[in-house]
Structures are given as C-alpha cells and as structure tokens.
Amino acid sequence: MTKPKRTSASENNAADPKEKPYVPITDRPLLGVPEAEALTGIPAKIIRAQVRNGLLKARMAGSTTMRIRRADLDAWLDALPAWHA
C-alpha cells in the first residue's frame, strides 16, 4: 500500500478534523479484544473464550463489535488464580 502524498495544506500544524485523537490504551474506558490482549499479554483466543464462558463481561457495540470495560478486565485479572510453586 502506498503512503498518501503530503501537500502543503496537510503539513501545517493545525489538527485535521477527520483525524481521531490518540488516547493511550491505559486511559480508554472500553477496549477491543486486540487492545485487551496488548494490555494484558493474554492471547485474544483466551480472552474471547472467557467472554463466551461468562467469566469476563463484555458489551456489544453494534451487532458484531465486542468491547470490554476496563473495570471488568481489571476485576477479571484480579480473580485469576495465583501461581503456587
């Protein structure tokens, strides 16, 4: 895929109104499965399985977009069993 050509109008310091503002993952109240995976290091396959089994709460944003509340993700992580060696 080619990069879009930069023009003098696109190189100015004014923010583009079409461009979404960047919000770090740690500050987002809702996370997608890939974002939850990146934040926790737990594979997306396991996160989706935990949602399917009802162990991790998720919300549907639209008909197919799954979002996990940050508070629910933190609660699920806290409930994971500790490792005993």
N, C-alpha and C. Protein backbone atom coordinates (compact mmCIF):
# COMPACT_ATOMS: atom_id res chain seq x y z
N MET A 1 0.83 -1.17 0.00
CA MET A 1 0.00 0.00 0.00
C MET A 1 0.88 1.24 0.00
N THR A 2 0.52 2.23 -0.76
CA THR A 2 1.33 3.43 -0.84
C THR A 2 0.88 4.45 0.18
N LYS A 3 1.83 5.27 0.60
CA LYS A 3 1.50 6.34 1.54
C LYS A 3 0.84 7.48 0.79
N PRO A 4 -0.10 8.17 1.44
CA PRO A 4 -0.70 9.33 0.77
C PRO A 4 0.34 10.44 0.62
N LYS A 5 0.23 11.16 -0.48
CA LYS A 5 1.16 12.25 -0.72
C LYS A 5 0.86 13.41 0.22
N ARG A 6 1.91 14.01 0.73
CA ARG A 6 1.75 15.16 1.61
C ARG A 6 1.66 16.43 0.77
N THR A 7 0.74 17.25 1.12
CA THR A 7 0.62 18.55 0.46
C THR A 7 0.92 19.63 1.47
N SER A 8 1.11 20.83 1.00
CA SER A 8 1.41 21.92 1.92
C SER A 8 0.25 22.15 2.88
N ALA A 9 -0.98 21.87 2.46
CA ALA A 9 -2.13 22.03 3.34
C ALA A 9 -2.14 20.98 4.44
N SER A 10 -1.65 19.75 4.15
CA SER A 10 -1.66 18.69 5.16
C SER A 10 -0.46 18.76 6.09
N GLU A 11 0.54 19.55 5.76
CA GLU A 11 1.73 19.63 6.58
C GLU A 11 1.67 20.74 7.63
N ASN A 12 0.61 21.50 7.65
CA ASN A 12 0.53 22.57 8.64
C ASN A 12 0.30 21.98 10.03
N ASN A 13 0.42 22.79 11.06
CA ASN A 13 0.32 22.31 12.44
C ASN A 13 -1.11 22.17 12.94
N ALA A 14 -2.08 22.63 12.19
CA ALA A 14 -3.47 22.54 12.63
C ALA A 14 -3.92 21.07 12.57
N ALA A 15 -4.71 20.66 13.56
CA ALA A 15 -5.19 19.28 13.60
C ALA A 15 -6.24 19.07 12.52
N ASP A 16 -6.19 17.90 11.91
CA ASP A 16 -7.15 17.55 10.88
C ASP A 16 -8.45 17.15 11.57
N PRO A 17 -9.58 17.77 11.24
CA PRO A 17 -10.83 17.44 11.93
C PRO A 17 -11.29 16.01 11.69
N LYS A 18 -10.84 15.35 10.62
CA LYS A 18 -11.23 13.98 10.33
C LYS A 18 -10.39 12.98 11.12
N GLU A 19 -9.24 13.41 11.63
CA GLU A 19 -8.33 12.52 12.33
C GLU A 19 -8.78 12.34 13.77
N LYS A 20 -8.84 11.07 14.22
CA LYS A 20 -9.24 10.78 15.59
C LYS A 20 -8.11 11.15 16.55
N PRO A 21 -8.44 11.70 17.71
CA PRO A 21 -7.38 12.00 18.68
C PRO A 21 -6.81 10.70 19.27
N TYR A 22 -5.54 10.68 19.56
CA TYR A 22 -4.91 9.50 20.12
C TYR A 22 -5.16 9.45 21.62
N VAL A 23 -5.65 8.32 22.10
CA VAL A 23 -5.85 8.08 23.53
C VAL A 23 -5.10 6.81 23.88
N PRO A 24 -4.18 6.86 24.83
CA PRO A 24 -3.44 5.65 25.20
C PRO A 24 -4.38 4.54 25.69
N ILE A 25 -4.00 3.29 25.47
CA ILE A 25 -4.82 2.15 25.87
C ILE A 25 -5.14 2.22 27.36
N THR A 26 -4.18 2.63 28.16
CA THR A 26 -4.37 2.64 29.61
C THR A 26 -5.43 3.64 30.06
N ASP A 27 -5.77 4.60 29.20
CA ASP A 27 -6.76 5.61 29.56
C ASP A 27 -8.13 5.37 28.94
N ARG A 28 -8.29 4.31 28.17
CA ARG A 28 -9.56 4.05 27.49
C ARG A 28 -10.51 3.29 28.41
N PRO A 29 -11.77 3.73 28.50
CA PRO A 29 -12.73 3.00 29.35
C PRO A 29 -13.22 1.71 28.70
N LEU A 30 -13.21 1.63 27.37
CA LEU A 30 -13.63 0.43 26.65
C LEU A 30 -12.48 -0.05 25.77
N LEU A 31 -12.29 -1.37 25.74
CA LEU A 31 -11.21 -1.95 24.96
C LEU A 31 -11.75 -3.01 24.02
N GLY A 32 -11.19 -3.09 22.84
CA GLY A 32 -11.46 -4.21 21.95
C GLY A 32 -10.62 -5.39 22.39
N VAL A 33 -10.90 -6.55 21.84
CA VAL A 33 -10.14 -7.75 22.20
C VAL A 33 -8.65 -7.58 21.88
N PRO A 34 -8.28 -7.05 20.71
CA PRO A 34 -6.84 -6.87 20.44
C PRO A 34 -6.18 -5.91 21.44
N GLU A 35 -6.90 -4.89 21.86
CA GLU A 35 -6.35 -3.95 22.84
C GLU A 35 -6.20 -4.60 24.20
N ALA A 36 -7.18 -5.42 24.60
CA ALA A 36 -7.09 -6.15 25.86
C ALA A 36 -5.92 -7.12 25.83
N GLU A 37 -5.71 -7.74 24.68
CA GLU A 37 -4.58 -8.65 24.51
C GLU A 37 -3.26 -7.90 24.65
N ALA A 38 -3.16 -6.74 24.02
CA ALA A 38 -1.93 -5.95 24.09
C ALA A 38 -1.67 -5.45 25.51
N LEU A 39 -2.71 -5.10 26.21
CA LEU A 39 -2.57 -4.55 27.56
C LEU A 39 -2.20 -5.63 28.56
N THR A 40 -2.79 -6.83 28.43
CA THR A 40 -2.58 -7.87 29.44
C THR A 40 -1.52 -8.90 29.06
N GLY A 41 -1.29 -9.08 27.77
CA GLY A 41 -0.38 -10.13 27.32
C GLY A 41 -1.05 -11.48 27.22
N ILE A 42 -2.35 -11.53 27.48
CA ILE A 42 -3.12 -12.78 27.39
C ILE A 42 -3.65 -12.88 25.95
N PRO A 43 -3.47 -14.04 25.31
CA PRO A 43 -3.89 -14.17 23.91
C PRO A 43 -5.38 -13.88 23.70
N ALA A 44 -5.70 -13.31 22.54
CA ALA A 44 -7.08 -12.96 22.20
C ALA A 44 -7.99 -14.18 22.24
N LYS A 45 -7.48 -15.33 21.87
CA LYS A 45 -8.26 -16.56 21.87
C LYS A 45 -8.76 -16.88 23.29
N ILE A 46 -7.91 -16.69 24.28
CA ILE A 46 -8.30 -16.94 25.67
C ILE A 46 -9.29 -15.89 26.14
N ILE A 47 -9.08 -14.63 25.78
CA ILE A 47 -9.99 -13.56 26.19
C ILE A 47 -11.38 -13.81 25.62
N ARG A 48 -11.46 -14.17 24.33
CA ARG A 48 -12.76 -14.47 23.72
C ARG A 48 -13.43 -15.67 24.38
N ALA A 49 -12.66 -16.69 24.72
CA ALA A 49 -13.21 -17.88 25.39
C ALA A 49 -13.76 -17.52 26.77
N GLN A 50 -13.07 -16.65 27.48
CA GLN A 50 -13.54 -16.24 28.80
C GLN A 50 -14.84 -15.43 28.70
N VAL A 51 -14.97 -14.64 27.65
CA VAL A 51 -16.22 -13.89 27.41
C VAL A 51 -17.34 -14.88 27.08
N ARG A 52 -17.06 -15.83 26.19
CA ARG A 52 -18.06 -16.84 25.81
C ARG A 52 -18.54 -17.64 27.01
N ASN A 53 -17.63 -17.97 27.93
CA ASN A 53 -17.97 -18.76 29.11
C ASN A 53 -18.59 -17.93 30.23
N GLY A 54 -18.67 -16.62 30.03
CA GLY A 54 -19.30 -15.76 31.03
C GLY A 54 -18.39 -15.37 32.19
N LEU A 55 -17.11 -15.66 32.09
CA LEU A 55 -16.18 -15.33 33.16
C LEU A 55 -15.65 -13.90 33.05
N LEU A 56 -15.68 -13.35 31.85
CA LEU A 56 -15.27 -11.98 31.59
C LEU A 56 -16.42 -11.27 30.91
N LYS A 57 -16.87 -10.19 31.52
CA LYS A 57 -18.01 -9.45 30.96
C LYS A 57 -17.55 -8.62 29.76
N ALA A 58 -18.41 -8.59 28.75
CA ALA A 58 -18.15 -7.78 27.56
C ALA A 58 -19.46 -7.14 27.12
N ARG A 59 -19.37 -6.07 26.39
CA ARG A 59 -20.53 -5.35 25.87
C ARG A 59 -20.46 -5.39 24.35
N MET A 60 -21.61 -5.36 23.73
CA MET A 60 -21.66 -5.32 22.27
C MET A 60 -21.93 -3.89 21.83
N ALA A 61 -21.03 -3.35 21.04
CA ALA A 61 -21.19 -2.02 20.46
C ALA A 61 -21.55 -2.25 19.00
N GLY A 62 -22.83 -2.24 18.70
CA GLY A 62 -23.27 -2.62 17.37
C GLY A 62 -23.57 -4.11 17.35
N SER A 63 -23.64 -4.69 16.18
CA SER A 63 -24.04 -6.10 16.08
C SER A 63 -22.86 -7.07 16.24
N THR A 64 -21.64 -6.64 15.95
CA THR A 64 -20.52 -7.57 16.00
C THR A 64 -19.31 -7.05 16.77
N THR A 65 -19.31 -5.81 17.19
CA THR A 65 -18.14 -5.23 17.83
C THR A 65 -18.19 -5.46 19.34
N MET A 66 -17.28 -6.28 19.84
CA MET A 66 -17.22 -6.59 21.26
C MET A 66 -16.28 -5.60 21.96
N ARG A 67 -16.75 -5.02 23.05
CA ARG A 67 -15.93 -4.12 23.84
C ARG A 67 -15.93 -4.59 25.29
N ILE A 68 -14.79 -4.49 25.92
CA ILE A 68 -14.63 -4.89 27.31
C ILE A 68 -14.36 -3.65 28.14
N ARG A 69 -15.16 -3.47 29.18
CA ARG A 69 -14.92 -2.33 30.06
C ARG A 69 -13.62 -2.56 30.81
N ARG A 70 -12.86 -1.50 30.97
CA ARG A 70 -11.57 -1.60 31.66
C ARG A 70 -11.77 -2.11 33.08
N ALA A 71 -12.82 -1.67 33.76
CA ALA A 71 -13.10 -2.11 35.12
C ALA A 71 -13.37 -3.62 35.16
N ASP A 72 -14.11 -4.14 34.17
CA ASP A 72 -14.38 -5.58 34.11
C ASP A 72 -13.11 -6.38 33.83
N LEU A 73 -12.25 -5.84 32.98
CA LEU A 73 -10.98 -6.51 32.68
C LEU A 73 -10.11 -6.56 33.93
N ASP A 74 -10.04 -5.45 34.66
CA ASP A 74 -9.24 -5.42 35.89
C ASP A 74 -9.79 -6.39 36.93
N ALA A 75 -11.12 -6.46 37.07
CA ALA A 75 -11.73 -7.39 38.03
C ALA A 75 -11.44 -8.83 37.64
N TRP A 76 -11.51 -9.14 36.34
CA TRP A 76 -11.22 -10.49 35.87
C TRP A 76 -9.76 -10.86 36.14
N LEU A 77 -8.85 -9.92 35.90
CA LEU A 77 -7.44 -10.17 36.16
C LEU A 77 -7.20 -10.41 37.64
N ASP A 78 -7.86 -9.65 38.50
CA ASP A 78 -7.70 -9.82 39.94
C ASP A 78 -8.23 -11.18 40.41
N ALA A 79 -9.23 -11.72 39.71
CA ALA A 79 -9.83 -13.00 40.10
C ALA A 79 -9.06 -14.21 39.58
N LEU A 80 -8.07 -14.01 38.73
CA LEU A 80 -7.28 -15.13 38.23
C LEU A 80 -6.51 -15.77 39.39
N PRO A 81 -6.40 -17.10 39.36
CA PRO A 81 -5.70 -17.77 40.47
C PRO A 81 -4.21 -17.43 40.49
N ALA A 82 -3.68 -17.39 41.69
CA ALA A 82 -2.25 -17.10 41.87
C ALA A 82 -1.44 -18.37 41.58
N TRP A 83 -0.23 -18.19 41.13
CA TRP A 83 0.66 -19.31 40.85
C TRP A 83 1.30 -19.76 42.16
N HIS A 84 1.20 -21.05 42.43
CA HIS A 84 1.83 -21.63 43.63
C HIS A 84 2.87 -22.63 43.18
N ALA A 85 4.12 -22.31 43.44
CA ALA A 85 5.21 -23.21 43.01
C ALA A 85 5.51 -24.25 44.07
